[in-house]
């Protein structure tokens, strides 16, 4: 028995950002490896890559990390 059930129909109201096509999609359309989400709104999905850049920058500048990728 599979642990995860493959969804065959898109769920309305779930938005994803497709990394392969660089588009916003409603419901599951592309494989999980190619998408971020789900997001609650189309607008949130549209800004997915901005959020990724912000989080990466925060992580890169986190004083808890020594700048070389090691903690402390």
Protein backbone atom coordinates (compact mmCIF):
# COMPACT_ATOMS: atom_id res chain seq x y z
CA UNK A 1 0.00 0.00 0.00
CA UNK A 2 1.38 3.39 -0.99
CA UNK A 3 2.08 5.94 1.71
CA UNK A 4 1.13 8.82 -0.51
CA UNK A 5 -1.90 8.84 -2.73
CA UNK A 6 -1.30 10.26 -6.19
CA UNK A 7 -3.75 13.06 -6.83
CA UNK A 8 -5.33 12.76 -10.24
CA UNK A 9 -7.58 15.80 -10.19
CA UNK A 10 -6.47 19.37 -9.49
CA UNK A 11 -7.77 20.80 -6.24
CA UNK A 12 -9.38 24.19 -6.74
CA UNK A 13 -7.83 26.97 -4.74
CA UNK A 14 -4.35 25.44 -4.61
CA UNK A 15 -1.79 27.35 -6.62
CA UNK A 16 1.70 26.25 -7.59
CA UNK A 17 4.71 27.84 -9.24
CA UNK A 18 6.16 25.57 -11.93
CA UNK A 19 9.96 25.79 -12.04
CA UNK A 20 10.15 24.14 -15.45
CA UNK A 21 7.62 26.34 -17.25
CA UNK A 22 8.08 29.42 -15.00
CA UNK A 23 4.33 29.80 -14.74
CA UNK A 24 1.63 29.74 -12.08
CA UNK A 25 -0.71 26.76 -12.21
CA UNK A 26 -3.94 26.04 -10.41
CA UNK A 27 -3.98 22.55 -9.01
CA UNK A 28 -1.45 19.80 -9.59
CA UNK A 29 -0.34 19.88 -13.22
CA UNK A 30 3.42 19.30 -13.20
CA UNK A 31 5.48 16.77 -11.22
CA UNK A 32 6.29 17.70 -7.61
CA UNK A 33 10.00 17.96 -8.43
CA UNK A 34 9.19 20.90 -10.73
CA UNK A 35 6.96 23.00 -8.50
CA UNK A 36 6.72 25.09 -5.34
CA UNK A 37 3.49 25.15 -3.39
CA UNK A 38 0.72 24.86 -2.69
CA UNK A 39 -0.05 28.51 -2.14
CA UNK A 40 -3.39 29.86 -0.95
CA UNK A 41 -3.65 32.41 -3.77
CA UNK A 42 -2.50 33.02 -7.30
CA UNK A 43 -0.70 36.17 -6.14
CA UNK A 44 1.32 34.25 -3.56
CA UNK A 45 2.35 31.71 -6.21
CA UNK A 46 3.31 34.52 -8.59
CA UNK A 47 5.77 35.81 -5.97
CA UNK A 48 7.26 32.40 -5.16
CA UNK A 49 10.66 33.12 -6.67
CA UNK A 50 10.87 36.49 -4.89
CA UNK A 51 10.24 34.69 -1.61
CA UNK A 52 12.94 32.15 -2.45
CA UNK A 53 15.45 34.94 -3.14
CA UNK A 54 14.52 36.69 0.14
CA UNK A 55 14.90 33.50 2.16
CA UNK A 56 18.21 32.64 0.51
CA UNK A 57 19.54 36.11 1.25
CA UNK A 58 18.40 35.89 4.88
CA UNK A 59 20.10 32.51 5.21
CA UNK A 60 23.30 33.74 3.56
CA UNK A 61 23.44 36.70 5.96
CA UNK A 62 22.38 34.86 9.11
CA UNK A 63 24.87 35.74 11.87
CA UNK A 64 24.35 32.30 13.42
CA UNK A 65 26.34 30.92 10.49
CA UNK A 66 30.03 31.70 10.17
CA UNK A 67 29.76 32.78 6.55
CA UNK A 68 31.40 29.57 5.42
CA UNK A 69 28.28 27.46 5.84
CA UNK A 70 29.21 26.11 9.26
CA UNK A 71 27.24 26.86 12.41
CA UNK A 72 28.86 28.75 15.29
